[in-house]
Amino acid sequence: MWAVPPATWSEAGVPVLAIEVISPTSAPRDRGTKRRIYQQAGVGEYWIVDVDARIIERWHPEDQRPEIVHERLTAELPGGVIVAVALADVLPGPMPTADSPVPRGTLSREVLLSKTRDE
């Protein structure tokens, strides 16, 4: 922490983690423009929380595609701080299945389900 809080964002430096909870109207901007801004700035991790799909998309600066997380998300931040989120605790409801409709603005069903099968 700072002895004196920064007066400007440039004094604060690049965030190690940015989290967006998307809505149908913000999804294109959060997944497109904001994601590219965060990646170019070197933000360590960018989490896009999709409440409708009950997933978190995890992005790193070098990623071309997100990691799709549907059960538990764990990240180690600078200083050895561990952040762990059980999605069932914050996004109650079942994980989408092959028969579930894909909410508007969500990544394709194939990306979502192929990631599920790989884990």
PDB file of N, CA and C in Angstrom:
ATOM      1  N   MET A   1       0.832  -1.186   0.000  1.00  0.00           N
ATOM      2  CA  MET A   1       0.000   0.000   0.000  1.00  0.00           C
ATOM      3  C   MET A   1       0.875   1.246   0.000  1.00  0.00           C
ATOM      4  N   TRP A   2       0.249   2.332  -0.337  1.00  0.00           N
ATOM      5  CA  TRP A   2       0.955   3.597  -0.395  1.00  0.00           C
ATOM      6  C   TRP A   2       0.887   4.305   0.958  1.00  0.00           C
ATOM      7  N   ALA A   3       1.965   5.022   1.298  1.00  0.00           N
ATOM      8  CA  ALA A   3       1.945   5.865   2.496  1.00  0.00           C
ATOM      9  C   ALA A   3       0.954   7.007   2.279  1.00  0.00           C
ATOM     10  N   VAL A   4       0.964   7.534   1.053  1.00  0.00           N
ATOM     11  CA  VAL A   4       0.018   8.576   0.653  1.00  0.00           C
ATOM     12  C   VAL A   4      -0.677   8.066  -0.608  1.00  0.00           C
ATOM     13  N   PRO A   5      -2.006   8.018  -0.614  1.00  0.00           N
ATOM     14  CA  PRO A   5      -2.706   7.526  -1.806  1.00  0.00           C
ATOM     15  C   PRO A   5      -2.341   8.332  -3.044  1.00  0.00           C
ATOM     16  N   PRO A   6      -2.234   7.668  -4.196  1.00  0.00           N
ATOM     17  CA  PRO A   6      -1.889   8.399  -5.428  1.00  0.00           C
ATOM     18  C   PRO A   6      -2.988   9.387  -5.806  1.00  0.00           C
ATOM     19  N   ALA A   7      -2.568  10.502  -6.364  1.00  0.00           N
ATOM     20  CA  ALA A   7      -3.516  11.541  -6.770  1.00  0.00           C
ATOM     21  C   ALA A   7      -4.044  11.292  -8.182  1.00  0.00           C
ATOM     22  N   THR A   8      -3.277  10.571  -9.001  1.00  0.00           N
ATOM     23  CA  THR A   8      -3.675  10.289 -10.381  1.00  0.00           C
ATOM     24  C   THR A   8      -3.462   8.811 -10.683  1.00  0.00           C
ATOM     25  N   TRP A   9      -4.098   8.325 -11.764  1.00  0.00           N
ATOM     26  CA  TRP A   9      -3.916   6.934 -12.163  1.00  0.00           C
ATOM     27  C   TRP A   9      -2.482   6.671 -12.575  1.00  0.00           C
ATOM     28  N   SER A  10      -1.823   7.639 -13.196  1.00  0.00           N
ATOM     29  CA  SER A  10      -0.440   7.405 -13.622  1.00  0.00           C
ATOM     30  C   SER A  10       0.483   7.204 -12.418  1.00  0.00           C
ATOM     31  N   GLU A  11       0.168   7.828 -11.292  1.00  0.00           N
ATOM     32  CA  GLU A  11       0.955   7.615 -10.080  1.00  0.00           C
ATOM     33  C   GLU A  11       0.713   6.228  -9.490  1.00  0.00           C
ATOM     34  N   ALA A  12      -0.461   5.675  -9.719  1.00  0.00           N
ATOM     35  CA  ALA A  12      -0.813   4.360  -9.158  1.00  0.00           C
ATOM     36  C   ALA A  12      -0.107   3.232  -9.896  1.00  0.00           C
ATOM     37  N   GLY A  13       0.187   3.412 -11.171  1.00  0.00           N
ATOM     38  CA  GLY A  13       0.828   2.367 -11.956  1.00  0.00           C
ATOM     39  C   GLY A  13      -0.194   1.445 -12.612  1.00  0.00           C
ATOM     40  N   VAL A  14       0.318   0.411 -13.250  1.00  0.00           N
ATOM     41  CA  VAL A  14      -0.532  -0.533 -13.976  1.00  0.00           C
ATOM     42  C   VAL A  14      -1.149  -1.516 -12.983  1.00  0.00           C
ATOM     43  N   PRO A  15      -2.453  -1.719 -13.040  1.00  0.00           N
ATOM     44  CA  PRO A  15      -3.094  -2.674 -12.126  1.00  0.00           C
ATOM     45  C   PRO A  15      -2.600  -4.096 -12.371  1.00  0.00           C
ATOM     46  N   VAL A  16      -2.570  -4.904 -11.326  1.00  0.00           N
ATOM     47  CA  VAL A  16      -2.219  -6.310 -11.484  1.00  0.00           C
ATOM     48  C   VAL A  16      -3.452  -7.133 -11.831  1.00  0.00           C
ATOM     49  N   LEU A  17      -4.645  -6.599 -11.543  1.00  0.00           N
ATOM     50  CA  LEU A  17      -5.889  -7.310 -11.814  1.00  0.00           C
ATOM     51  C   LEU A  17      -6.994  -6.303 -12.099  1.00  0.00           C
ATOM     52  N   ALA A  18      -7.723  -6.541 -13.188  1.00  0.00           N
ATOM     53  CA  ALA A  18      -8.916  -5.746 -13.505  1.00  0.00           C
ATOM     54  C   ALA A  18     -10.069  -6.723 -13.668  1.00  0.00           C
ATOM     55  N   ILE A  19     -11.226  -6.378 -13.084  1.00  0.00           N
ATOM     56  CA  ILE A  19     -12.394  -7.249 -13.146  1.00  0.00           C
ATOM     57  C   ILE A  19     -13.573  -6.449 -13.667  1.00  0.00           C
ATOM     58  N   GLU A  20     -14.247  -6.997 -14.686  1.00  0.00           N
ATOM     59  CA  GLU A  20     -15.451  -6.380 -15.236  1.00  0.00           C
ATOM     60  C   GLU A  20     -16.596  -7.375 -15.114  1.00  0.00           C
ATOM     61  N   VAL A  21     -17.738  -6.928 -14.621  1.00  0.00           N
ATOM     62  CA  VAL A  21     -18.963  -7.722 -14.648  1.00  0.00           C
ATOM     63  C   VAL A  21     -19.764  -7.186 -15.820  1.00  0.00           C
ATOM     64  N   ILE A  22     -19.930  -8.030 -16.837  1.00  0.00           N
ATOM     65  CA  ILE A  22     -20.531  -7.536 -18.072  1.00  0.00           C
ATOM     66  C   ILE A  22     -22.048  -7.643 -18.060  1.00  0.00           C
ATOM     67  N   SER A  23     -22.639  -6.815 -18.888  1.00  0.00           N
ATOM     68  CA  SER A  23     -24.076  -6.863 -19.153  1.00  0.00           C
ATOM     69  C   SER A  23     -24.212  -7.016 -20.666  1.00  0.00           C
ATOM     70  N   PRO A  24     -25.399  -7.336 -21.147  1.00  0.00           N
ATOM     71  CA  PRO A  24     -25.545  -7.462 -22.607  1.00  0.00           C
ATOM     72  C   PRO A  24     -25.106  -6.208 -23.365  1.00  0.00           C
ATOM     73  N   THR A  25     -25.320  -5.035 -22.778  1.00  0.00           N
ATOM     74  CA  THR A  25     -24.936  -3.816 -23.489  1.00  0.00           C
ATOM     75  C   THR A  25     -23.449  -3.508 -23.381  1.00  0.00           C
ATOM     76  N   SER A  26     -22.781  -3.970 -22.323  1.00  0.00           N
ATOM     77  CA  SER A  26     -21.354  -3.667 -22.168  1.00  0.00           C
ATOM     78  C   SER A  26     -20.443  -4.760 -22.709  1.00  0.00           C
ATOM     79  N   ALA A  27     -20.983  -5.943 -23.014  1.00  0.00           N
ATOM     80  CA  ALA A  27     -20.162  -7.092 -23.423  1.00  0.00           C
ATOM     81  C   ALA A  27     -19.235  -6.796 -24.609  1.00  0.00           C
ATOM     82  N   PRO A  28     -19.731  -6.209 -25.705  1.00  0.00           N
ATOM     83  CA  PRO A  28     -18.822  -5.971 -26.834  1.00  0.00           C
ATOM     84  C   PRO A  28     -17.650  -5.054 -26.464  1.00  0.00           C
ATOM     85  N   ARG A  29     -17.923  -4.016 -25.690  1.00  0.00           N
ATOM     86  CA  ARG A  29     -16.848  -3.095 -25.294  1.00  0.00           C
ATOM     87  C   ARG A  29     -15.880  -3.774 -24.319  1.00  0.00           C
ATOM     88  N   ASP A  30     -16.414  -4.516 -23.336  1.00  0.00           N
ATOM     89  CA  ASP A  30     -15.558  -5.171 -22.356  1.00  0.00           C
ATOM     90  C   ASP A  30     -14.693  -6.256 -22.982  1.00  0.00           C
ATOM     91  N   ARG A  31     -15.255  -7.003 -23.928  1.00  0.00           N
ATOM     92  CA  ARG A  31     -14.505  -8.088 -24.572  1.00  0.00           C
ATOM     93  C   ARG A  31     -13.602  -7.585 -25.698  1.00  0.00           C
ATOM     94  N   GLY A  32     -13.858  -6.401 -26.187  1.00  0.00           N
ATOM     95  CA  GLY A  32     -13.085  -5.863 -27.300  1.00  0.00           C
ATOM     96  C   GLY A  32     -12.161  -4.735 -26.882  1.00  0.00           C
ATOM     97  N   THR A  33     -12.698  -3.535 -26.900  1.00  0.00           N
ATOM     98  CA  THR A  33     -11.895  -2.334 -26.650  1.00  0.00           C
ATOM     99  C   THR A  33     -11.185  -2.357 -25.297  1.00  0.00           C
ATOM    100  N   LYS A  34     -11.935  -2.594 -24.228  1.00  0.00           N
ATOM    101  CA  LYS A  34     -11.315  -2.571 -22.894  1.00  0.00           C
ATOM    102  C   LYS A  34     -10.262  -3.666 -22.753  1.00  0.00           C
ATOM    103  N   ARG A  35     -10.580  -4.861 -23.264  1.00  0.00           N
ATOM    104  CA  ARG A  35      -9.610  -5.951 -23.166  1.00  0.00           C
ATOM    105  C   ARG A  35      -8.300  -5.574 -23.852  1.00  0.00           C
ATOM    106  N   ARG A  36      -8.374  -5.024 -25.065  1.00  0.00           N
ATOM    107  CA  ARG A  36      -7.159  -4.632 -25.773  1.00  0.00           C
ATOM    108  C   ARG A  36      -6.401  -3.536 -25.024  1.00  0.00           C
ATOM    109  N   ILE A  37      -7.111  -2.588 -24.442  1.00  0.00           N
ATOM    110  CA  ILE A  37      -6.461  -1.522 -23.663  1.00  0.00           C
ATOM    111  C   ILE A  37      -5.717  -2.126 -22.477  1.00  0.00           C
ATOM    112  N   TYR A  38      -6.390  -3.005 -21.741  1.00  0.00           N
ATOM    113  CA  TYR A  38      -5.751  -3.639 -20.579  1.00  0.00           C
ATOM    114  C   TYR A  38      -4.556  -4.488 -21.002  1.00  0.00           C
ATOM    115  N   GLN A  39      -4.681  -5.246 -22.080  1.00  0.00           N
ATOM    116  CA  GLN A  39      -3.568  -6.076 -22.539  1.00  0.00           C
ATOM    117  C   GLN A  39      -2.381  -5.215 -22.964  1.00  0.00           C
ATOM    118  N   GLN A  40      -2.643  -4.157 -23.718  1.00  0.00           N
ATOM    119  CA  GLN A  40      -1.555  -3.285 -24.175  1.00  0.00           C
ATOM    120  C   GLN A  40      -0.888  -2.561 -23.016  1.00  0.00           C
ATOM    121  N   ALA A  41      -1.661  -2.263 -21.966  1.00  0.00           N
ATOM    122  CA  ALA A  41      -1.098  -1.570 -20.798  1.00  0.00           C
ATOM    123  C   ALA A  41      -0.296  -2.519 -19.914  1.00  0.00           C
ATOM    124  N   GLY A  42      -0.460  -3.837 -20.123  1.00  0.00           N
ATOM    125  CA  GLY A  42       0.274  -4.811 -19.320  1.00  0.00           C
ATOM    126  C   GLY A  42      -0.410  -5.197 -18.025  1.00  0.00           C
ATOM    127  N   VAL A  43      -1.736  -4.999 -17.941  1.00  0.00           N
ATOM    128  CA  VAL A  43      -2.478  -5.425 -16.749  1.00  0.00           C
ATOM    129  C   VAL A  43      -2.278  -6.935 -16.620  1.00  0.00           C
ATOM    130  N   GLY A  44      -1.852  -7.375 -15.437  1.00  0.00           N
ATOM    131  CA  GLY A  44      -1.490  -8.772 -15.230  1.00  0.00           C
ATOM    132  C   GLY A  44      -2.586  -9.759 -15.562  1.00  0.00           C
ATOM    133  N   GLU A  45      -3.804  -9.503 -15.101  1.00  0.00           N
ATOM    134  CA  GLU A  45      -4.947 -10.351 -15.401  1.00  0.00           C
ATOM    135  C   GLU A  45      -6.182  -9.476 -15.577  1.00  0.00           C
ATOM    136  N   TYR A  46      -7.017  -9.882 -16.516  1.00  0.00           N
ATOM    137  CA  TYR A  46      -8.282  -9.207 -16.764  1.00  0.00           C
ATOM    138  C   TYR A  46      -9.351 -10.285 -16.718  1.00  0.00           C
ATOM    139  N   TRP A  47     -10.288 -10.166 -15.776  1.00  0.00           N
ATOM    140  CA  TRP A  47     -11.366 -11.135 -15.612  1.00  0.00           C
ATOM    141  C   TRP A  47     -12.653 -10.507 -16.108  1.00  0.00           C
ATOM    142  N   ILE A  48     -13.325 -11.197 -17.011  1.00  0.00           N
ATOM    143  CA  ILE A  48     -14.630 -10.774 -17.483  1.00  0.00           C
ATOM    144  C   ILE A  48     -15.645 -11.733 -16.879  1.00  0.00           C
ATOM    145  N   VAL A  49     -16.471 -11.210 -15.990  1.00  0.00           N
ATOM    146  CA  VAL A  49     -17.473 -12.026 -15.303  1.00  0.00           C
ATOM    147  C   VAL A  49     -18.763 -11.951 -16.105  1.00  0.00           C
ATOM    148  N   ASP A  50     -19.181 -13.109 -16.611  1.00  0.00           N
ATOM    149  CA  ASP A  50     -20.423 -13.205 -17.381  1.00  0.00           C
ATOM    150  C   ASP A  50     -21.445 -13.931 -16.504  1.00  0.00           C
ATOM    151  N   VAL A  51     -22.299 -13.163 -15.853  1.00  0.00           N
ATOM    152  CA  VAL A  51     -23.272 -13.715 -14.922  1.00  0.00           C
ATOM    153  C   VAL A  51     -24.263 -14.621 -15.645  1.00  0.00           C
ATOM    154  N   ASP A  52     -24.716 -14.226 -16.836  1.00  0.00           N
ATOM    155  CA  ASP A  52     -25.682 -15.031 -17.578  1.00  0.00           C
ATOM    156  C   ASP A  52     -25.124 -16.408 -17.937  1.00  0.00           C
ATOM    157  N   ALA A  53     -23.876 -16.457 -18.375  1.00  0.00           N
ATOM    158  CA  ALA A  53     -23.257 -17.728 -18.763  1.00  0.00           C
ATOM    159  C   ALA A  53     -22.649 -18.454 -17.560  1.00  0.00           C
ATOM    160  N   ARG A  54     -22.531 -17.769 -16.430  1.00  0.00           N
ATOM    161  CA  ARG A  54     -21.945 -18.310 -15.205  1.00  0.00           C
ATOM    162  C   ARG A  54     -20.508 -18.764 -15.415  1.00  0.00           C
ATOM    163  N   ILE A  55     -19.743 -17.875 -16.066  1.00  0.00           N
ATOM    164  CA  ILE A  55     -18.326 -18.136 -16.313  1.00  0.00           C
ATOM    165  C   ILE A  55     -17.527 -16.869 -16.059  1.00  0.00           C
ATOM    166  N   ILE A  56     -16.230 -17.062 -15.946  1.00  0.00           N
ATOM    167  CA  ILE A  56     -15.283 -15.945 -15.949  1.00  0.00           C
ATOM    168  C   ILE A  56     -14.302 -16.210 -17.074  1.00  0.00           C
ATOM    169  N   GLU A  57     -14.089 -15.195 -17.903  1.00  0.00           N
ATOM    170  CA  GLU A  57     -13.068 -15.265 -18.939  1.00  0.00           C
ATOM    171  C   GLU A  57     -11.816 -14.628 -18.344  1.00  0.00           C
ATOM    172  N   ARG A  58     -10.724 -15.364 -18.336  1.00  0.00           N
ATOM    173  CA  ARG A  58      -9.467 -14.862 -17.776  1.00  0.00           C
ATOM    174  C   ARG A  58      -8.507 -14.547 -18.922  1.00  0.00           C
ATOM    175  N   TRP A  59      -8.032 -13.305 -18.944  1.00  0.00           N
ATOM    176  CA  TRP A  59      -7.103 -12.842 -19.979  1.00  0.00           C
ATOM    177  C   TRP A  59      -5.783 -12.423 -19.341  1.00  0.00           C
ATOM    178  N   HIS A  60      -4.689 -12.681 -20.038  1.00  0.00           N
ATOM    179  CA  HIS A  60      -3.358 -12.170 -19.691  1.00  0.00           C
ATOM    180  C   HIS A  60      -2.898 -11.298 -20.859  1.00  0.00           C
ATOM    181  N   PRO A  61      -1.883 -10.472 -20.668  1.00  0.00           N
ATOM    182  CA  PRO A  61      -1.472  -9.555 -21.743  1.00  0.00           C
ATOM    183  C   PRO A  61      -1.153 -10.236 -23.076  1.00  0.00           C
ATOM    184  N   GLU A  62      -0.587 -11.436 -23.043  1.00  0.00           N
ATOM    185  CA  GLU A  62      -0.166 -12.092 -24.278  1.00  0.00           C
ATOM    186  C   GLU A  62      -1.241 -12.992 -24.905  1.00  0.00           C
ATOM    187  N   ASP A  63      -2.377 -13.148 -24.261  1.00  0.00           N
ATOM    188  CA  ASP A  63      -3.409 -14.087 -24.726  1.00  0.00           C
ATOM    189  C   ASP A  63      -4.120 -13.628 -25.995  1.00  0.00           C
ATOM    190  N   GLN A  64      -4.369 -14.602 -26.875  1.00  0.00           N
ATOM    191  CA  GLN A  64      -5.194 -14.382 -28.060  1.00  0.00           C
ATOM    192  C   GLN A  64      -6.629 -14.816 -27.791  1.00  0.00           C
ATOM    193  N   ARG A  65      -6.789 -15.751 -26.857  1.00  0.00           N
ATOM    194  CA  ARG A  65      -8.106 -16.262 -26.450  1.00  0.00           C
ATOM    195  C   ARG A  65      -8.102 -16.359 -24.927  1.00  0.00           C
ATOM    196  N   PRO A  66      -9.277 -16.229 -24.315  1.00  0.00           N
ATOM    197  CA  PRO A  66      -9.309 -16.310 -22.856  1.00  0.00           C
ATOM    198  C   PRO A  66      -9.319 -17.745 -22.356  1.00  0.00           C
ATOM    199  N   GLU A  67      -8.928 -17.901 -21.116  1.00  0.00           N
ATOM    200  CA  GLU A  67      -9.176 -19.151 -20.399  1.00  0.00           C
ATOM    201  C   GLU A  67     -10.605 -19.037 -19.881  1.00  0.00           C
ATOM    202  N   ILE A  68     -11.423 -20.057 -20.098  1.00  0.00           N
ATOM    203  CA  ILE A  68     -12.804 -20.044 -19.623  1.00  0.00           C
ATOM    204  C   ILE A  68     -12.852 -20.803 -18.308  1.00  0.00           C
ATOM    205  N   VAL A  69     -13.250 -20.110 -17.256  1.00  0.00           N
ATOM    206  CA  VAL A  69     -13.282 -20.698 -15.923  1.00  0.00           C
ATOM    207  C   VAL A  69     -14.733 -20.849 -15.499  1.00  0.00           C
ATOM    208  N   HIS A  70     -15.077 -22.040 -15.029  1.00  0.00           N
ATOM    209  CA  HIS A  70     -16.460 -22.267 -14.644  1.00  0.00           C
ATOM    210  C   HIS A  70     -16.618 -22.856 -13.249  1.00  0.00           C
ATOM    211  N   GLU A  71     -15.526 -23.190 -12.582  1.00  0.00           N
ATOM    212  CA  GLU A  71     -15.644 -23.736 -11.234  1.00  0.00           C
ATOM    213  C   GLU A  71     -14.900 -22.907 -10.197  1.00  0.00           C
ATOM    214  N   ARG A  72     -13.581 -22.820 -10.333  1.00  0.00           N
ATOM    215  CA  ARG A  72     -12.762 -22.110  -9.351  1.00  0.00           C
ATOM    216  C   ARG A  72     -11.654 -21.364 -10.079  1.00  0.00           C
ATOM    217  N   LEU A  73     -11.479 -20.125  -9.708  1.00  0.00           N
ATOM    218  CA  LEU A  73     -10.447 -19.289 -10.307  1.00  0.00           C
ATOM    219  C   LEU A  73      -9.453 -18.915  -9.220  1.00  0.00           C
ATOM    220  N   THR A  74      -8.184 -19.209  -9.474  1.00  0.00           N
ATOM    221  CA  THR A  74      -7.128 -18.890  -8.519  1.00  0.00           C
ATOM    222  C   THR A  74      -6.045 -18.112  -9.245  1.00  0.00           C
ATOM    223  N   ALA A  75      -5.567 -17.067  -8.612  1.00  0.00           N
ATOM    224  CA  ALA A  75      -4.499 -16.265  -9.194  1.00  0.00           C
ATOM    225  C   ALA A  75      -3.526 -15.869  -8.091  1.00  0.00           C
ATOM    226  N   GLU A  76      -2.246 -15.868  -8.446  1.00  0.00           N
ATOM    227  CA  GLU A  76      -1.233 -15.381  -7.508  1.00  0.00           C
ATOM    228  C   GLU A  76      -0.810 -13.994  -7.970  1.00  0.00           C
ATOM    229  N   LEU A  77      -1.021 -13.030  -7.100  1.00  0.00           N
ATOM    230  CA  LEU A  77      -0.696 -11.643  -7.403  1.00  0.00           C
ATOM    231  C   LEU A  77       0.665 -11.306  -6.815  1.00  0.00           C
ATOM    232  N   PRO A  78       1.253 -10.190  -7.215  1.00  0.00           N
ATOM    233  CA  PRO A  78       2.547  -9.798  -6.663  1.00  0.00           C
ATOM    234  C   PRO A  78       2.520  -9.773  -5.131  1.00  0.00           C
ATOM    235  N   GLY A  79       3.636 -10.129  -4.555  1.00  0.00           N
ATOM    236  CA  GLY A  79       3.726 -10.169  -3.103  1.00  0.00           C
ATOM    237  C   GLY A  79       3.214 -11.483  -2.531  1.00  0.00           C
ATOM    238  N   GLY A  80       2.913 -12.452  -3.412  1.00  0.00           N
ATOM    239  CA  GLY A  80       2.456 -13.749  -2.951  1.00  0.00           C
ATOM    240  C   GLY A  80       1.004 -13.792  -2.508  1.00  0.00           C
ATOM    241  N   VAL A  81       0.252 -12.752  -2.837  1.00  0.00           N
ATOM    242  CA  VAL A  81      -1.166 -12.717  -2.463  1.00  0.00           C
ATOM    243  C   VAL A  81      -1.931 -13.676  -3.375  1.00  0.00           C
ATOM    244  N   ILE A  82      -2.675 -14.591  -2.777  1.00  0.00           N
ATOM    245  CA  ILE A  82      -3.472 -15.555  -3.532  1.00  0.00           C
ATOM    246  C   ILE A  82      -4.931 -15.107  -3.522  1.00  0.00           C
ATOM    247  N   VAL A  83      -5.516 -15.004  -4.701  1.00  0.00           N
ATOM    248  CA  VAL A  83      -6.933 -14.687  -4.842  1.00  0.00           C
ATOM    249  C   VAL A  83      -7.606 -15.946  -5.362  1.00  0.00           C
ATOM    250  N   ALA A  84      -8.614 -16.426  -4.643  1.00  0.00           N
ATOM    251  CA  ALA A  84      -9.341 -17.620  -5.069  1.00  0.00           C
ATOM    252  C   ALA A  84     -10.830 -17.328  -5.032  1.00  0.00           C
ATOM    253  N   VAL A  85     -11.501 -17.657  -6.110  1.00  0.00           N
ATOM    254  CA  VAL A  85     -12.942 -17.422  -6.215  1.00  0.00           C
ATOM    255  C   VAL A  85     -13.604 -18.725  -6.646  1.00  0.00           C
ATOM    256  N   ALA A  86     -14.528 -19.216  -5.831  1.00  0.00           N
ATOM    257  CA  ALA A  86     -15.350 -20.354  -6.224  1.00  0.00           C
ATOM    258  C   ALA A  86     -16.573 -19.770  -6.913  1.00  0.00           C
ATOM    259  N   LEU A  87     -16.716 -20.056  -8.189  1.00  0.00           N
ATOM    260  CA  LEU A  87     -17.801 -19.439  -8.950  1.00  0.00           C
ATOM    261  C   LEU A  87     -19.172 -19.767  -8.384  1.00  0.00           C
ATOM    262  N   ALA A  88     -19.346 -20.944  -7.809  1.00  0.00           N
ATOM    263  CA  ALA A  88     -20.639 -21.304  -7.218  1.00  0.00           C
ATOM    264  C   ALA A  88     -21.002 -20.357  -6.079  1.00  0.00           C
ATOM    265  N   ASP A  89     -19.988 -19.752  -5.435  1.00  0.00           N
ATOM    266  CA  ASP A  89     -20.258 -18.815  -4.342  1.00  0.00           C
ATOM    267  C   ASP A  89     -20.732 -17.462  -4.839  1.00  0.00           C
ATOM    268  N   VAL A  90     -20.300 -17.087  -6.032  1.00  0.00           N
ATOM    269  CA  VAL A  90     -20.646 -15.754  -6.532  1.00  0.00           C
ATOM    270  C   VAL A  90     -21.594 -15.779  -7.726  1.00  0.00           C
ATOM    271  N   LEU A  91     -21.671 -16.921  -8.399  1.00  0.00           N
ATOM    272  CA  LEU A  91     -22.561 -17.071  -9.548  1.00  0.00           C
ATOM    273  C   LEU A  91     -23.377 -18.343  -9.372  1.00  0.00           C
ATOM    274  N   PRO A  92     -24.331 -18.332  -8.460  1.00  0.00           N
ATOM    275  CA  PRO A  92     -25.086 -19.558  -8.220  1.00  0.00           C
ATOM    276  C   PRO A  92     -25.844 -20.027  -9.451  1.00  0.00           C
ATOM    277  N   GLY A  93     -25.933 -21.324  -9.578  1.00  0.00           N
ATOM    278  CA  GLY A  93     -26.636 -21.918 -10.713  1.00  0.00           C
ATOM    279  C   GLY A  93     -25.751 -22.934 -11.389  1.00  0.00           C
ATOM    280  N   PRO A  94     -26.333 -23.758 -12.234  1.00  0.00           N
ATOM    281  CA  PRO A  94     -25.566 -24.820 -12.878  1.00  0.00           C
ATOM    282  C   PRO A  94     -24.685 -24.307 -14.004  1.00  0.00           C
ATOM    283  N   MET A  95     -23.609 -25.033 -14.251  1.00  0.00           N
ATOM    284  CA  MET A  95     -22.740 -24.759 -15.397  1.00  0.00           C
ATOM    285  C   MET A  95     -23.509 -25.124 -16.657  1.00  0.00           C
ATOM    286  N   PRO A  96     -23.421 -24.321 -17.717  1.00  0.00           N
ATOM    287  CA  PRO A  96     -24.097 -24.664 -18.964  1.00  0.00           C
ATOM    288  C   PRO A  96     -23.657 -26.028 -19.491  1.00  0.00           C
ATOM    289  N   THR A  97     -24.573 -26.758 -20.093  1.00  0.00           N
ATOM    290  CA  THR A  97     -24.286 -28.051 -20.693  1.00  0.00           C
ATOM    291  C   THR A  97     -24.427 -27.938 -22.204  1.00  0.00           C
ATOM    292  N   ALA A  98     -24.218 -29.050 -22.900  1.00  0.00           N
ATOM    293  CA  ALA A  98     -24.337 -29.039 -24.362  1.00  0.00           C
ATOM    294  C   ALA A  98     -25.737 -28.643 -24.810  1.00  0.00           C
ATOM    295  N   ASP A  99     -26.748 -28.890 -23.971  1.00  0.00           N
ATOM    296  CA  ASP A  99     -28.128 -28.562 -24.333  1.00  0.00           C
ATOM    297  C   ASP A  99     -28.562 -27.170 -23.880  1.00  0.00           C
ATOM    298  N   SER A 100     -27.723 -26.486 -23.122  1.00  0.00           N
ATOM    299  CA  SER A 100     -28.086 -25.156 -22.624  1.00  0.00           C
ATOM    300  C   SER A 100     -27.974 -24.124 -23.735  1.00  0.00           C
ATOM    301  N   PRO A 101     -28.891 -23.165 -23.761  1.00  0.00           N
ATOM    302  CA  PRO A 101     -28.733 -22.073 -24.727  1.00  0.00           C
ATOM    303  C   PRO A 101     -27.539 -21.217 -24.338  1.00  0.00           C
ATOM    304  N   VAL A 102     -26.844 -20.695 -25.312  1.00  0.00           N
ATOM    305  CA  VAL A 102     -25.706 -19.819 -25.056  1.00  0.00           C
ATOM    306  C   VAL A 102     -26.234 -18.398 -24.971  1.00  0.00           C
ATOM    307  N   PRO A 103     -26.052 -17.722 -23.806  1.00  0.00           N
ATOM    308  CA  PRO A 103     -26.549 -16.345 -23.689  1.00  0.00           C
ATOM    309  C   PRO A 103     -25.936 -15.428 -24.735  1.00  0.00           C
ATOM    310  N   ARG A 104     -26.703 -14.453 -25.166  1.00  0.00           N
ATOM    311  CA  ARG A 104     -26.253 -13.488 -26.163  1.00  0.00           C
ATOM    312  C   ARG A 104     -24.965 -12.821 -25.732  1.00  0.00           C
ATOM    313  N   GLY A 105     -24.017 -12.695 -26.637  1.00  0.00           N
ATOM    314  CA  GLY A 105     -22.763 -12.012 -26.338  1.00  0.00           C
ATOM    315  C   GLY A 105     -21.711 -12.921 -25.730  1.00  0.00           C
ATOM    316  N   THR A 106     -22.056 -14.181 -25.475  1.00  0.00           N
ATOM    317  CA  THR A 106     -21.108 -15.122 -24.889  1.00  0.00           C
ATOM    318  C   THR A 106     -20.260 -15.719 -26.004  1.00  0.00           C
ATOM    319  N   LEU A 107     -19.076 -16.178 -25.641  1.00  0.00           N
ATOM    320  CA  LEU A 107     -18.250 -16.885 -26.608  1.00  0.00           C
ATOM    321  C   LEU A 107     -19.036 -18.071 -27.143  1.00  0.00           C
ATOM    322  N   SER A 108     -18.631 -18.593 -28.250  1.00  0.00           N
ATOM    323  CA  SER A 108     -19.378 -19.683 -28.869  1.00  0.00           C
ATOM    324  C   SER A 108     -19.491 -20.882 -27.942  1.00  0.00           C
ATOM    325  N   ARG A 109     -20.551 -21.635 -28.119  1.00  0.00           N
ATOM    326  CA  ARG A 109     -20.783 -22.854 -27.332  1.00  0.00           C
ATOM    327  C   ARG A 109     -19.582 -23.791 -27.469  1.00  0.00           C
ATOM    328  N   GLU A 110     -18.963 -23.874 -28.668  1.00  0.00           N
ATOM    329  CA  GLU A 110     -17.847 -24.777 -28.887  1.00  0.00           C
ATOM    330  C   GLU A 110     -16.650 -24.410 -28.013  1.00  0.00           C
ATOM    331  N   VAL A 111     -16.347 -23.130 -27.912  1.00  0.00           N
ATOM    332  CA  VAL A 111     -15.230 -22.693 -27.065  1.00  0.00           C
ATOM    333  C   VAL A 111     -15.538 -23.023 -25.619  1.00  0.00           C
ATOM    334  N   LEU A 112     -16.738 -22.701 -25.175  1.00  0.00           N
ATOM    335  CA  LEU A 112     -17.133 -22.942 -23.795  1.00  0.00           C
ATOM    336  C   LEU A 112     -17.075 -24.426 -23.461  1.00  0.00           C
ATOM    337  N   LEU A 113     -17.661 -25.271 -24.295  1.00  0.00           N
ATOM    338  CA  LEU A 113     -17.712 -26.699 -24.003  1.00  0.00           C
ATOM    339  C   LEU A 113     -16.381 -27.387 -24.234  1.00  0.00           C
ATOM    340  N   SER A 114     -15.586 -26.970 -25.221  1.00  0.00           N
ATOM    341  CA  SER A 114     -14.301 -27.626 -25.419  1.00  0.00           C
ATOM    342  C   SER A 114     -13.381 -27.348 -24.238  1.00  0.00           C
ATOM    343  N   LYS A 115     -13.478 -26.161 -23.678  1.00  0.00           N
ATOM    344  CA  LYS A 115     -12.677 -25.842 -22.497  1.00  0.00           C
ATOM    345  C   LYS A 115     -13.140 -26.692 -21.319  1.00  0.00           C
ATOM    346  N   THR A 116     -14.435 -26.908 -21.202  1.00  0.00           N
ATOM    347  CA  THR A 116     -14.974 -27.723 -20.118  1.00  0.00           C
ATOM    348  C   THR A 116     -14.460 -29.159 -20.224  1.00  0.00           C
ATOM    349  N   ARG A 117     -14.444 -29.710 -21.430  1.00  0.00           N
ATOM    350  CA  ARG A 117     -13.996 -31.086 -21.631  1.00  0.00           C
ATOM    351  C   ARG A 117     -12.516 -31.243 -21.353  1.00  0.00           C
ATOM    352  N   ASP A 118     -11.718 -30.207 -21.641  1.00  0.00           N
ATOM    353  CA  ASP A 118     -10.257 -30.286 -21.473  1.00  0.00           C
ATOM    354  C   ASP A 118      -9.841 -30.335 -20.018  1.00  0.00           C
ATOM    355  N   GLU A 119     -10.660 -29.828 -19.110  1.00  0.00           N
ATOM    356  CA  GLU A 119     -10.236 -29.709 -17.714  1.00  0.00           C
ATOM    357  C   GLU A 119     -10.485 -30.944 -16.910  1.00  0.00           C
TER     358      GLU A 119
END
